């Protein structure tokens, strides 16, 4: 049987790509399972007390998903409304407020939850914070993703709160005039001075979804292989009858 080189090479490349995609999805499923186990382990660990000394050694990679507590003062002059945050199909903001640890110049950025935009964007919500010292609890997470960036970043606006399009930790630290820990403390629903806090640990697609996609890629590879065999058999029979 004579094999046409171009179709054969094309089919082989497609088969390789499909199998590679399936194997990649399986690897991602294993990675997601490992992340879920690590998250559960860190959440169950004893709550970490955020202290000013952490400024010299704090690491997001080591502390992410740890429960933490802190005592200090909210900075009413350093509040940010992170725009384009959606909750139950409603547009709104995440309220980010700098929190000064104790009497130091070290701060942590606290995500106090979600608020709706309201009927008039020019009228910002009241996000007043208490002047006295408070104790709060939360979970250490990475700064929120950028999401949709529309127009100016918002950090050059006068006053507080500022409506911002993304979390720029360097800009926030510069405006604080002090140190800023390299993560965000997502305020616990049990703590006061917060808003809607329907927090969930997210890692993107679940392991089950990755496995499902892997099955689809392998099914396509099997279908392609079946088609190639069918074409080859049909061509062999045609050549046999031709002789």
Protein backbone atom coordinates (compact mmCIF):
# COMPACT_ATOMS: atom_id res chain seq x y z
CA UNK A 1 0.00 0.00 0.00
CA UNK A 2 1.35 3.40 -0.95
CA UNK A 3 0.98 6.11 1.70
CA UNK A 4 0.63 9.76 0.72
CA UNK A 5 3.37 11.58 2.69
CA UNK A 6 1.62 14.89 3.35
CA UNK A 7 -1.67 13.51 4.75
CA UNK A 8 0.23 10.96 6.84
CA UNK A 9 2.54 13.58 8.37
CA UNK A 10 -0.42 15.92 9.00
CA UNK A 11 -2.39 13.16 10.72
CA UNK A 12 0.62 12.20 12.84
CA UNK A 13 1.18 15.79 13.94
CA UNK A 14 -2.49 16.23 14.82
CA UNK A 15 -2.49 12.99 16.78
CA UNK A 16 0.61 14.09 18.70
CA UNK A 17 -0.96 17.46 19.53
CA UNK A 18 -4.19 15.89 20.74
CA UNK A 19 -2.41 13.40 22.96
CA UNK A 20 -0.11 16.13 24.32
CA UNK A 21 -3.12 18.31 25.16
CA UNK A 22 -4.78 15.43 27.00
CA UNK A 23 -1.64 14.63 28.99
CA UNK A 24 -1.22 18.34 29.88
CA UNK A 25 -4.77 18.45 31.22
CA UNK A 26 -4.06 15.40 33.39
CA UNK A 27 -0.93 17.07 34.77
CA UNK A 28 -2.93 20.22 35.56
CA UNK A 29 -5.50 18.09 37.38
CA UNK A 30 -2.76 16.66 39.60
CA UNK A 31 -1.37 20.15 40.24
CA UNK A 32 -4.82 21.43 41.22
CA UNK A 33 -5.30 18.51 43.63
CA UNK A 34 -1.96 19.36 45.27
CA UNK A 35 -2.95 23.04 45.55
CA UNK A 36 -6.27 22.10 47.16
CA UNK A 37 -4.50 19.93 49.73
CA UNK A 38 -2.04 22.73 50.51
CA UNK A 39 -4.86 25.28 50.87
CA UNK A 40 -6.75 23.06 53.27
CA UNK A 41 -3.60 22.46 55.31
CA UNK A 42 -2.74 26.16 55.60
CA UNK A 43 -6.31 27.17 56.46
CA UNK A 44 -6.34 24.66 59.32
CA UNK A 45 -3.02 25.85 60.75
CA UNK A 46 -2.99 28.10 63.80
CA UNK A 47 -3.82 31.71 63.00
CA UNK A 48 -0.76 33.85 62.30
CA UNK A 49 -0.40 37.16 64.15
CA UNK A 50 0.65 39.91 61.75
CA UNK A 51 3.39 41.96 63.38
CA UNK A 52 5.63 44.76 62.06
CA UNK A 53 8.66 42.44 62.10
CA UNK A 54 7.10 40.53 59.18
CA UNK A 55 8.06 43.40 56.87
CA UNK A 56 11.61 42.04 56.67
CA UNK A 57 10.73 38.43 55.83
CA UNK A 58 7.09 38.18 54.69
CA UNK A 59 6.59 35.91 51.68
CA UNK A 60 3.32 35.49 49.82
CA UNK A 61 4.33 32.03 48.64
CA UNK A 62 4.90 30.82 52.22
CA UNK A 63 1.92 32.56 53.85
CA UNK A 64 -0.76 32.40 51.17
CA UNK A 65 -4.09 30.99 52.45
CA UNK A 66 -2.97 31.19 56.08
CA UNK A 67 -5.48 32.55 58.56
CA UNK A 68 -4.13 35.69 60.23
CA UNK A 69 -5.07 38.29 62.82
CA UNK A 70 -3.89 41.85 63.38
CA UNK A 71 -4.36 44.76 65.75
CA UNK A 72 -3.95 48.37 64.73
CA UNK A 73 -5.66 51.24 62.95
CA UNK A 74 -7.36 51.56 59.60
CA UNK A 75 -5.99 54.41 57.48
CA UNK A 76 -9.02 56.50 56.46
CA UNK A 77 -6.75 58.46 54.10
CA UNK A 78 -5.64 55.31 52.25
CA UNK A 79 -8.76 53.63 50.92
CA UNK A 80 -9.27 52.27 47.42
CA UNK A 81 -12.35 51.10 45.55
CA UNK A 82 -11.20 48.40 43.14
CA UNK A 83 -13.53 48.81 40.18
CA UNK A 84 -15.18 46.21 37.93
CA UNK A 85 -15.75 43.56 40.61
CA UNK A 86 -18.86 41.50 39.90
CA UNK A 87 -20.95 39.73 42.54
CA UNK A 88 -24.10 37.82 41.55
CA UNK A 89 -24.15 39.54 38.15
CA UNK A 90 -23.99 43.00 39.78
CA UNK A 91 -21.21 45.52 39.17
CA UNK A 92 -19.39 46.85 42.18
CA UNK A 93 -16.16 47.52 44.02
CA UNK A 94 -13.86 45.68 46.36
CA UNK A 95 -13.12 47.95 49.32
CA UNK A 96 -9.38 47.98 50.03
CA UNK A 97 -8.18 49.79 53.13
CA UNK A 98 -4.63 50.12 54.43
CA UNK A 99 -4.28 48.89 58.02
CA UNK A 100 -1.40 50.09 60.19
CA UNK A 101 -0.02 47.36 62.44
CA UNK A 102 0.17 48.58 66.02
CA UNK A 103 2.04 51.89 66.29
CA UNK A 104 4.49 51.03 63.52
CA UNK A 105 4.79 52.30 59.96
CA UNK A 106 4.13 48.78 58.59
CA UNK A 107 0.80 48.23 56.86
CA UNK A 108 -1.26 45.44 55.39
CA UNK A 109 -3.86 46.03 52.70
CA UNK A 110 -7.23 44.69 53.86
CA UNK A 111 -9.95 43.65 51.41
CA UNK A 112 -13.08 44.52 53.38
CA UNK A 113 -15.49 43.02 50.85
CA UNK A 114 -17.73 43.94 47.96
CA UNK A 115 -20.09 46.89 47.53
CA UNK A 116 -22.44 47.63 44.58
CA UNK A 117 -21.71 50.64 42.39
CA UNK A 118 -25.19 52.06 42.79
CA UNK A 119 -27.27 54.08 40.31
CA UNK A 120 -24.81 57.00 40.12
CA UNK A 121 -21.09 56.27 39.68
CA UNK A 122 -20.25 59.85 40.62
CA UNK A 123 -21.54 59.21 44.12
CA UNK A 124 -19.11 56.95 45.95
CA UNK A 125 -20.26 54.70 48.79
CA UNK A 126 -19.59 55.63 52.40
CA UNK A 127 -16.76 53.38 53.60
CA UNK A 128 -15.92 55.15 56.85
CA UNK A 129 -13.56 53.35 59.20
CA UNK A 130 -13.30 53.76 62.99
CA UNK A 131 -10.56 55.97 64.41
CA UNK A 132 -9.85 53.75 67.41
CA UNK A 133 -7.66 50.66 67.37
CA UNK A 134 -9.39 47.49 66.18
CA UNK A 135 -8.60 43.79 66.00
CA UNK A 136 -9.41 41.89 62.85
CA UNK A 137 -9.05 38.45 61.33
CA UNK A 138 -8.78 37.25 57.79
CA UNK A 139 -6.99 35.10 55.25
CA UNK A 140 -3.76 35.96 53.48
CA UNK A 141 -4.21 36.01 49.71
CA UNK A 142 -2.52 37.41 46.63
CA UNK A 143 -3.54 40.91 45.51
CA UNK A 144 -6.72 40.77 43.38
CA UNK A 145 -6.19 40.18 39.67
CA UNK A 146 -6.26 43.19 37.38
CA UNK A 147 -9.55 42.30 35.69
CA UNK A 148 -10.80 44.81 33.13
CA UNK A 149 -8.78 48.02 33.06
CA UNK A 150 -10.81 50.96 31.78
CA UNK A 151 -9.28 54.43 31.52
CA UNK A 152 -6.96 55.99 34.09
CA UNK A 153 -5.53 53.82 36.88
CA UNK A 154 -7.04 56.17 39.49
CA UNK A 155 -4.03 56.46 41.79
CA UNK A 156 -3.42 60.12 40.92
CA UNK A 157 -6.90 61.20 42.03
CA UNK A 158 -7.21 63.53 45.00
CA UNK A 159 -8.68 62.43 48.32
CA UNK A 160 -9.83 59.08 49.61
CA UNK A 161 -11.29 56.71 48.58
CA UNK A 162 -9.75 56.49 45.15
CA UNK A 163 -11.46 54.43 42.45
CA UNK A 164 -8.70 52.29 40.94
CA UNK A 165 -8.59 49.85 38.05
CA UNK A 166 -5.96 47.50 39.43
CA UNK A 167 -4.05 46.84 42.63
CA UNK A 168 -0.63 48.46 42.37
CA UNK A 169 1.16 47.57 45.60
CA UNK A 170 4.13 49.83 44.81
CA UNK A 171 1.91 52.87 44.25
CA UNK A 172 -0.07 52.17 47.41
CA UNK A 173 3.11 51.81 49.47
CA UNK A 174 4.42 55.12 48.11
CA UNK A 175 1.17 56.85 49.09
CA UNK A 176 1.28 55.33 52.58
CA UNK A 177 4.71 56.67 53.40
CA UNK A 178 5.55 53.39 55.10
CA UNK A 179 6.07 49.69 54.47
CA UNK A 180 3.38 47.48 52.95
CA UNK A 181 3.32 43.71 53.38
CA UNK A 182 3.39 41.88 50.00
CA UNK A 183 -0.09 40.39 50.27
CA UNK A 184 -3.71 41.23 50.98
CA UNK A 185 -5.63 40.24 54.09
CA UNK A 186 -9.11 39.17 53.03
CA UNK A 187 -11.33 40.16 55.93
CA UNK A 188 -13.16 37.33 57.68
CA UNK A 189 -16.98 37.45 57.64
CA UNK A 190 -16.76 37.36 61.44
CA UNK A 191 -14.86 40.68 61.61
CA UNK A 192 -16.60 44.04 61.70
CA UNK A 193 -16.18 47.04 59.36
CA UNK A 194 -16.70 44.81 56.34
CA UNK A 195 -19.14 44.40 53.47
CA UNK A 196 -20.27 41.45 51.37
CA UNK A 197 -17.67 38.74 51.91
CA UNK A 198 -18.64 35.63 50.00
CA UNK A 199 -15.04 34.45 49.87
CA UNK A 200 -14.12 31.23 48.15
CA UNK A 201 -10.75 29.62 47.59
CA UNK A 202 -10.32 29.62 43.82
CA UNK A 203 -7.70 27.89 41.73
CA UNK A 204 -9.35 28.28 38.34
CA UNK A 205 -10.68 25.07 36.83
CA UNK A 206 -11.31 22.18 39.19
CA UNK A 207 -9.33 18.92 38.84
CA UNK A 208 -12.53 17.25 37.58
CA UNK A 209 -12.85 19.82 34.81
CA UNK A 210 -9.25 19.21 33.73
CA UNK A 211 -9.87 15.45 33.66
CA UNK A 212 -13.02 16.06 31.61
CA UNK A 213 -11.06 18.11 29.08
CA UNK A 214 -8.38 15.41 28.97
CA UNK A 215 -11.02 12.81 28.11
CA UNK A 216 -12.26 15.04 25.29
CA UNK A 217 -8.75 15.42 23.83
CA UNK A 218 -8.14 11.67 24.05
CA UNK A 219 -11.53 11.01 22.43
CA UNK A 220 -10.59 13.28 19.53
CA UNK A 221 -7.26 11.47 19.21
CA UNK A 222 -9.07 8.11 19.15
CA UNK A 223 -11.52 9.42 16.53
CA UNK A 224 -8.63 10.67 14.37
CA UNK A 225 -6.80 7.35 14.68
CA UNK A 226 -9.99 5.46 13.78
CA UNK A 227 -10.51 7.69 10.75
CA UNK A 228 -6.93 7.14 9.59
CA UNK A 229 -7.29 3.36 9.91
CA UNK A 230 -10.60 3.44 8.04
CA UNK A 231 -9.10 5.49 5.20
CA UNK A 232 -6.08 3.20 5.02
CA UNK A 233 -8.24 0.05 4.90
CA UNK A 234 -10.52 1.56 2.27
CA UNK A 235 -7.57 2.58 0.12
CA UNK A 236 -6.00 -0.89 0.47
CA UNK A 237 -9.22 -2.55 -0.68
CA UNK A 238 -9.52 -0.16 -3.60
CA UNK A 239 -5.96 -0.90 -4.69
CA UNK A 240 -6.58 -4.65 -4.28
CA UNK A 241 -9.69 -4.53 -6.45
CA UNK A 242 -7.82 -2.44 -8.98
CA UNK A 243 -5.32 -5.26 -9.47
